[in-house]
């Protein structure tokens, strides 16, 4: 009887060509000094190949593992030396919720009146974030799942591509950063630090699911890792190579969502999603500028915190660029939690208005 590889090994082998494409895209982006090279390079390469008609494999469960890694990484930003005015955080969190309400109102109106989608489709496609949870909730509704998924995918794509020029325009941000040398790329934490990091990931994933946190595999490990780092129990850091790999897989995860997409068949959906994303980006920029002007909150941090969607992606960008990842993560966690809790109420309200 021929040897049959384990399902996980077989899935990994099927995903390898996609991963290699992402790595090549990331390396090419690094070579031309593209900001966020591993993330954007992998995303752009896989998106272009997907839209060309090539069927690429998604990371599958591999993305879940990457979410745990990103969660642990986010926790390392919560150090005992971390500074922050609770009053400014409170003001910014409140402003973010107001901006989120404006984004939701615009998205639903746009999807219904301009794009012509149903109420259910407009609501689930318009949620500014939490794509995994929102898609799961949409399964039991009458929403068009293809439109919902494509709208979220295009929004994340547009936001990630827009981040470098927008941050460059507002200034005060080093988009290039330092490129690690070979010794830094090969650096690994010691056994004790590795044990702390692995323990934070495993315990956090269990706790996140136990508490039914939104995006449990991201925010559960982030909570445990932040507690360990903030109390000074450990100062363990993740190796640069693992961080780069996480960026590649997240970038690939965005790009492969366009696999099987026909530009001719879905041209209207893609165009409407892109236009909606640009309008939501404008709302986020205005809200970030307003809170910065009134309270002095960092404009780049507020911008990443207010951007409509993609908590793993935007938190990873904040980490990669050193833009107050704790601040950005806290905002996305609050927004996703509030939106998930309010979705049934919002859906009922939209149905009454359109009855």
Protein backbone atom coordinates (compact mmCIF):
# COMPACT_ATOMS: atom_id res chain seq x y z
CA UNK A 1 0.00 0.00 0.00
CA UNK A 2 1.55 3.35 -1.02
CA UNK A 3 2.37 5.81 1.73
CA UNK A 4 -0.38 8.41 2.24
CA UNK A 5 0.77 11.65 3.83
CA UNK A 6 -1.11 12.99 6.82
CA UNK A 7 -3.87 15.47 5.90
CA UNK A 8 -1.95 18.40 7.42
CA UNK A 9 1.20 17.48 5.50
CA UNK A 10 -0.77 17.05 2.28
CA UNK A 11 -2.42 20.45 2.76
CA UNK A 12 0.97 22.04 3.39
CA UNK A 13 2.39 20.52 0.21
CA UNK A 14 -0.56 21.87 -1.80
CA UNK A 15 -0.04 25.31 -0.26
CA UNK A 16 3.73 25.41 -0.89
CA UNK A 17 3.52 26.88 -4.45
CA UNK A 18 1.35 29.71 -3.13
CA UNK A 19 3.72 30.29 -0.23
CA UNK A 20 6.71 30.34 -2.58
CA UNK A 21 4.92 32.88 -4.78
CA UNK A 22 4.32 35.02 -1.72
CA UNK A 23 7.95 34.76 -0.64
CA UNK A 24 9.14 35.72 -4.13
CA UNK A 25 6.75 38.68 -4.12
CA UNK A 26 7.97 39.75 -0.68
CA UNK A 27 11.63 39.42 -1.69
CA UNK A 28 11.01 41.43 -4.86
CA UNK A 29 9.25 44.15 -2.85
CA UNK A 30 12.17 44.19 -0.40
CA UNK A 31 14.64 44.53 -3.26
CA UNK A 32 12.87 47.65 -4.61
CA UNK A 33 12.41 49.15 -1.12
CA UNK A 34 8.61 48.89 -1.13
CA UNK A 35 7.17 49.77 2.29
CA UNK A 36 5.91 46.73 4.24
CA UNK A 37 7.63 44.52 1.65
CA UNK A 38 6.78 41.04 2.93
CA UNK A 39 3.12 41.86 3.45
CA UNK A 40 2.47 43.99 0.37
CA UNK A 41 4.77 42.03 -1.92
CA UNK A 42 3.09 38.71 -1.11
CA UNK A 43 -0.37 40.27 -1.35
CA UNK A 44 0.22 41.97 -4.69
CA UNK A 45 1.87 38.90 -6.26
CA UNK A 46 -0.89 36.49 -5.26
CA UNK A 47 -3.66 38.96 -6.13
CA UNK A 48 -2.32 39.48 -9.65
CA UNK A 49 -1.86 35.76 -10.24
CA UNK A 50 -5.34 35.02 -8.84
CA UNK A 51 -6.98 37.63 -11.07
CA UNK A 52 -5.07 36.14 -14.02
CA UNK A 53 -7.10 32.97 -13.53
CA UNK A 54 -4.61 30.79 -11.67
CA UNK A 55 -6.20 28.86 -8.82
CA UNK A 56 -4.09 29.32 -5.71
CA UNK A 57 -4.40 27.40 -2.46
CA UNK A 58 -5.22 29.29 0.72
CA UNK A 59 -3.18 28.82 3.90
CA UNK A 60 -6.17 27.06 5.48
CA UNK A 61 -5.40 26.19 9.07
CA UNK A 62 -1.95 27.67 8.60
CA UNK A 63 -3.54 31.12 8.84
CA UNK A 64 -4.91 30.18 12.26
CA UNK A 65 -1.40 29.45 13.45
CA UNK A 66 -0.24 32.79 12.07
CA UNK A 67 -3.00 34.58 13.96
CA UNK A 68 -1.66 33.04 17.18
CA UNK A 69 1.85 34.22 16.30
CA UNK A 70 0.61 37.75 15.55
CA UNK A 71 -1.33 37.76 18.83
CA UNK A 72 1.81 36.86 20.77
CA UNK A 73 3.71 39.52 18.83
CA UNK A 74 1.10 42.15 19.71
CA UNK A 75 1.48 41.29 23.38
CA UNK A 76 5.19 42.16 23.28
CA UNK A 77 4.20 45.81 22.72
CA UNK A 78 2.68 46.00 26.23
CA UNK A 79 5.86 46.68 28.21
CA UNK A 80 6.20 48.14 31.73
CA UNK A 81 7.68 51.25 30.10
CA UNK A 82 4.62 51.73 27.90
CA UNK A 83 3.18 55.21 28.28
CA UNK A 84 -0.29 56.44 27.50
CA UNK A 85 -2.82 58.85 28.92
CA UNK A 86 -6.02 56.95 29.84
CA UNK A 87 -8.06 60.07 29.10
CA UNK A 88 -6.66 60.29 25.58
CA UNK A 89 -7.29 56.59 25.02
CA UNK A 90 -10.87 56.98 26.25
CA UNK A 91 -11.46 59.96 23.98
CA UNK A 92 -9.96 58.14 21.02
CA UNK A 93 -11.94 54.95 21.65
CA UNK A 94 -15.14 56.98 21.84
CA UNK A 95 -14.29 58.83 18.63
CA UNK A 96 -13.52 55.51 16.95
CA UNK A 97 -17.00 54.20 17.83
CA UNK A 98 -18.58 57.36 16.39
CA UNK A 99 -16.51 56.97 13.22
CA UNK A 100 -17.50 53.29 13.04
CA UNK A 101 -21.18 54.25 13.24
CA UNK A 102 -20.66 56.72 10.38
CA UNK A 103 -18.88 54.03 8.35
CA UNK A 104 -21.66 51.51 8.95
CA UNK A 105 -24.36 54.02 7.99
CA UNK A 106 -22.53 54.99 4.81
CA UNK A 107 -21.70 51.39 3.86
CA UNK A 108 -25.27 50.16 4.20
CA UNK A 109 -26.62 53.17 2.29
CA UNK A 110 -24.02 52.76 -0.45
CA UNK A 111 -24.58 49.02 -0.82
CA UNK A 112 -28.36 49.39 -0.94
CA UNK A 113 -28.78 52.55 -3.01
CA UNK A 114 -25.69 52.63 -5.22
CA UNK A 115 -24.55 49.00 -5.56
CA UNK A 116 -28.11 47.63 -5.45
CA UNK A 117 -27.56 44.82 -2.92
CA UNK A 118 -30.14 43.37 -0.54
CA UNK A 119 -30.47 44.60 3.03
CA UNK A 120 -28.72 41.51 4.47
CA UNK A 121 -25.91 41.71 1.94
CA UNK A 122 -25.47 45.44 2.50
CA UNK A 123 -25.25 45.02 6.27
CA UNK A 124 -22.77 42.15 6.36
CA UNK A 125 -20.67 43.59 3.53
CA UNK A 126 -20.63 46.98 5.23
CA UNK A 127 -19.25 45.94 8.60
CA UNK A 128 -15.86 47.70 8.92
CA UNK A 129 -13.86 44.74 10.22
CA UNK A 130 -14.17 41.23 11.60
CA UNK A 131 -14.36 39.53 8.22
CA UNK A 132 -14.15 35.98 9.61
CA UNK A 133 -16.83 36.49 12.24
CA UNK A 134 -19.05 38.50 9.90
CA UNK A 135 -18.84 35.90 7.13
CA UNK A 136 -19.73 33.17 9.62
CA UNK A 137 -22.78 35.14 10.78
CA UNK A 138 -23.82 35.80 7.19
CA UNK A 139 -24.01 32.06 6.48
CA UNK A 140 -27.37 31.81 8.26
CA UNK A 141 -28.83 34.88 6.54
CA UNK A 142 -30.05 35.66 3.06
CA UNK A 143 -26.92 37.64 2.24
CA UNK A 144 -25.01 37.06 -0.98
CA UNK A 145 -21.86 35.49 0.45
CA UNK A 146 -19.88 36.11 -2.73
CA UNK A 147 -20.53 39.86 -2.51
CA UNK A 148 -19.87 39.91 1.25
CA UNK A 149 -16.55 38.09 0.92
CA UNK A 150 -15.43 40.07 -2.12
CA UNK A 151 -16.31 43.41 -0.54
CA UNK A 152 -14.27 42.66 2.57
CA UNK A 153 -11.36 41.30 0.51
CA UNK A 154 -11.26 44.37 -1.74
CA UNK A 155 -11.52 46.69 1.26
CA UNK A 156 -8.53 45.10 2.98
CA UNK A 157 -6.58 45.15 -0.29
CA UNK A 158 -7.34 48.84 -0.84
CA UNK A 159 -6.48 49.77 2.75
CA UNK A 160 -3.15 47.94 2.77
CA UNK A 161 -2.11 49.44 -0.55
CA UNK A 162 -3.20 52.90 0.62
CA UNK A 163 -1.38 52.81 3.97
CA UNK A 164 2.16 53.69 2.73
CA UNK A 165 1.20 56.74 0.63
CA UNK A 166 -1.24 58.00 3.28
CA UNK A 167 1.32 57.66 6.08
CA UNK A 168 3.95 59.28 3.91
CA UNK A 169 1.59 62.18 3.20
CA UNK A 170 0.99 62.87 6.90
CA UNK A 171 4.72 62.57 7.64
CA UNK A 172 6.60 61.64 10.81
CA UNK A 173 6.67 57.93 9.87
CA UNK A 174 9.70 55.87 8.81
CA UNK A 175 8.18 53.50 6.28
CA UNK A 176 11.45 51.90 5.27
CA UNK A 177 12.76 50.89 8.66
CA UNK A 178 15.96 48.93 9.11
CA UNK A 179 16.58 45.79 7.09
CA UNK A 180 17.94 43.03 9.37
CA UNK A 181 21.34 41.61 8.47
CA UNK A 182 21.96 37.87 8.17
CA UNK A 183 22.77 37.46 11.85
CA UNK A 184 19.52 39.15 12.82
CA UNK A 185 17.51 37.05 10.37
CA UNK A 186 18.98 33.88 11.91
CA UNK A 187 18.50 35.02 15.52
CA UNK A 188 16.37 32.75 17.69
CA UNK A 189 15.17 33.29 21.28
CA UNK A 190 16.68 31.19 24.04
CA UNK A 191 14.89 28.11 25.42
CA UNK A 192 13.30 29.99 28.33
CA UNK A 193 12.05 32.85 26.14
CA UNK A 194 10.79 30.40 23.51
CA UNK A 195 8.88 28.55 26.22
CA UNK A 196 7.22 31.77 27.43
CA UNK A 197 6.21 32.70 23.89
CA UNK A 198 4.90 29.23 23.05
CA UNK A 199 3.03 29.06 26.35
CA UNK A 200 1.42 32.45 25.71
CA UNK A 201 0.28 31.27 22.30
CA UNK A 202 -1.13 27.94 23.46
CA UNK A 203 -2.80 29.27 26.62
CA UNK A 204 -4.06 32.36 24.80
CA UNK A 205 -5.65 30.33 22.00
CA UNK A 206 -7.42 28.14 24.57
CA UNK A 207 -8.53 31.14 26.63
CA UNK A 208 -9.72 33.07 23.59
CA UNK A 209 -11.96 30.22 22.53
CA UNK A 210 -13.11 29.59 26.09
CA UNK A 211 -14.12 33.25 26.51
CA UNK A 212 -15.55 33.32 22.98
CA UNK A 213 -13.52 36.39 22.13
CA UNK A 214 -13.92 37.84 18.64
CA UNK A 215 -11.00 36.61 16.55
CA UNK A 216 -10.10 34.35 19.48
CA UNK A 217 -6.83 33.06 18.02
CA UNK A 218 -5.56 36.63 17.67
CA UNK A 219 -6.82 38.38 20.78
CA UNK A 220 -6.50 35.44 23.21
CA UNK A 221 -2.72 35.10 22.76
CA UNK A 222 -2.45 38.90 22.69
CA UNK A 223 -4.05 39.10 26.15
CA UNK A 224 -1.78 36.47 27.70
CA UNK A 225 1.36 37.79 26.01
CA UNK A 226 0.55 41.38 27.00
CA UNK A 227 0.02 40.33 30.63
CA UNK A 228 3.38 38.54 30.70
CA UNK A 229 5.24 41.42 29.07
CA UNK A 230 3.48 44.25 30.89
CA UNK A 231 4.18 42.71 34.30
CA UNK A 232 7.83 42.14 33.36
CA UNK A 233 7.59 38.37 33.70
CA UNK A 234 9.31 38.08 30.33
CA UNK A 235 10.82 40.37 27.73
CA UNK A 236 10.92 37.65 25.07
CA UNK A 237 10.77 38.77 21.43
CA UNK A 238 10.01 36.89 18.25
CA UNK A 239 12.70 36.33 15.59
CA UNK A 240 12.58 38.60 12.51
CA UNK A 241 12.30 35.61 10.17
CA UNK A 242 9.09 34.45 11.88
CA UNK A 243 7.67 37.98 11.74
CA UNK A 244 8.44 38.18 8.01
CA UNK A 245 6.83 34.78 7.42
CA UNK A 246 3.71 35.91 9.29
CA UNK A 247 3.51 38.96 7.03
CA UNK A 248 3.85 36.78 3.93
CA UNK A 249 1.07 34.43 5.00
CA UNK A 250 -1.26 37.31 5.88
CA UNK A 251 -0.50 38.91 2.52
CA UNK A 252 -1.14 35.63 0.74
CA UNK A 253 -4.40 35.18 2.66
CA UNK A 254 -5.67 38.43 1.15
CA UNK A 255 -4.47 37.66 -2.37
CA UNK A 256 -5.94 34.15 -2.62
CA UNK A 257 -9.41 35.48 -1.84
CA UNK A 258 -9.51 36.58 -5.47
CA UNK A 259 -8.84 33.06 -6.75
CA UNK A 260 -11.51 32.09 -9.28
CA UNK A 261 -12.62 35.71 -9.63
CA UNK A 262 -13.47 36.81 -13.15
CA UNK A 263 -12.96 40.49 -13.75
CA UNK A 264 -15.61 40.39 -16.46
CA UNK A 265 -18.22 38.60 -14.34
CA UNK A 266 -17.56 40.46 -11.09
CA UNK A 267 -16.44 43.79 -12.48
CA UNK A 268 -19.42 45.65 -10.99
CA UNK A 269 -18.96 44.05 -7.55
CA UNK A 270 -15.23 44.78 -7.52
CA UNK A 271 -15.72 48.37 -8.67
CA UNK A 272 -18.42 49.04 -6.08
CA UNK A 273 -16.30 47.45 -3.33
CA UNK A 274 -13.25 49.53 -4.27
CA UNK A 275 -15.26 52.77 -4.36
CA UNK A 276 -16.85 51.98 -1.01
CA UNK A 277 -13.42 51.21 0.50
CA UNK A 278 -12.02 54.53 -0.68
CA UNK A 279 -14.96 56.41 0.88
CA UNK A 280 -14.51 54.55 4.18
CA UNK A 281 -10.81 55.35 4.08
CA UNK A 282 -11.69 59.04 3.70
CA UNK A 283 -13.95 58.83 6.77
CA UNK A 284 -11.14 57.16 8.75
CA UNK A 285 -8.65 59.86 7.71
CA UNK A 286 -11.05 62.66 8.70
CA UNK A 287 -11.83 61.02 12.06
CA UNK A 288 -8.13 60.42 12.80
CA UNK A 289 -7.27 64.00 11.90
CA UNK A 290 -10.10 65.31 14.11
CA UNK A 291 -9.04 63.34 17.21
CA UNK A 292 -5.40 64.29 16.60
CA UNK A 293 -6.29 67.98 16.29
CA UNK A 294 -8.45 68.01 19.42
CA UNK A 295 -6.49 65.74 21.77
CA UNK A 296 -2.98 65.38 20.36
CA UNK A 297 -3.28 61.62 19.84
CA UNK A 298 -0.66 60.36 17.37
CA UNK A 299 -2.11 60.81 13.88
CA UNK A 300 -0.51 57.66 12.37
CA UNK A 301 -1.69 55.55 15.32
CA UNK A 302 -5.20 56.98 15.14
CA UNK A 303 -5.31 56.35 11.40
CA UNK A 304 -4.37 52.67 11.75
CA UNK A 305 -6.77 52.32 14.69
CA UNK A 306 -9.71 53.85 12.80
CA UNK A 307 -9.18 52.12 9.45
CA UNK A 308 -12.24 50.00 8.62
CA UNK A 309 -11.23 46.41 8.92
CA UNK A 310 -8.62 43.75 9.09
CA UNK A 311 -7.56 43.60 12.75
CA UNK A 312 -4.77 41.05 12.03
CA UNK A 313 -3.55 42.99 9.01
CA UNK A 314 -3.65 46.47 10.55
CA UNK A 315 -2.23 45.33 13.88
CA UNK A 316 0.60 43.64 12.00
CA UNK A 317 1.23 46.88 10.08
CA UNK A 318 1.37 48.78 13.38
CA UNK A 319 3.87 46.26 14.72
CA UNK A 320 5.99 46.32 11.57
CA UNK A 321 6.18 50.11 11.50
CA UNK A 322 6.39 50.60 15.26
CA UNK A 323 3.21 52.72 15.35
CA UNK A 324 1.87 52.12 18.88
CA UNK A 325 0.58 48.54 18.29
CA UNK A 326 -1.02 48.40 21.75
CA UNK A 327 -3.14 51.46 20.94
CA UNK A 328 -4.13 50.13 17.51
CA UNK A 329 -4.96 46.64 18.79
CA UNK A 330 -7.14 47.96 21.64
CA UNK A 331 -9.24 49.97 19.18
CA UNK A 332 -9.80 47.06 16.81
CA UNK A 333 -10.69 44.70 19.65
CA UNK A 334 -13.31 47.12 20.97
CA UNK A 335 -14.77 47.76 17.53
CA UNK A 336 -15.08 44.10 16.60
CA UNK A 337 -16.64 43.24 19.97
CA UNK A 338 -19.22 46.02 19.74
CA UNK A 339 -20.11 45.23 16.12
CA UNK A 340 -20.59 41.52 16.73
CA UNK A 341 -22.82 42.21 19.74
CA UNK A 342 -24.91 44.75 17.79
CA UNK A 343 -25.24 42.85 14.50
CA UNK A 344 -28.60 41.17 15.34
CA UNK A 345 -30.03 44.54 16.46
CA UNK A 346 -28.74 46.30 13.35
CA UNK A 347 -30.12 43.62 11.06
CA UNK A 348 -33.58 43.84 12.67
CA UNK A 349 -33.53 47.64 12.41
CA UNK A 350 -32.54 47.55 8.72
CA UNK A 351 -35.31 45.08 7.94
CA UNK A 352 -37.90 47.31 9.65
CA UNK A 353 -36.72 50.36 7.72
CA UNK A 354 -36.98 48.48 4.42
CA UNK A 355 -40.22 46.67 5.21
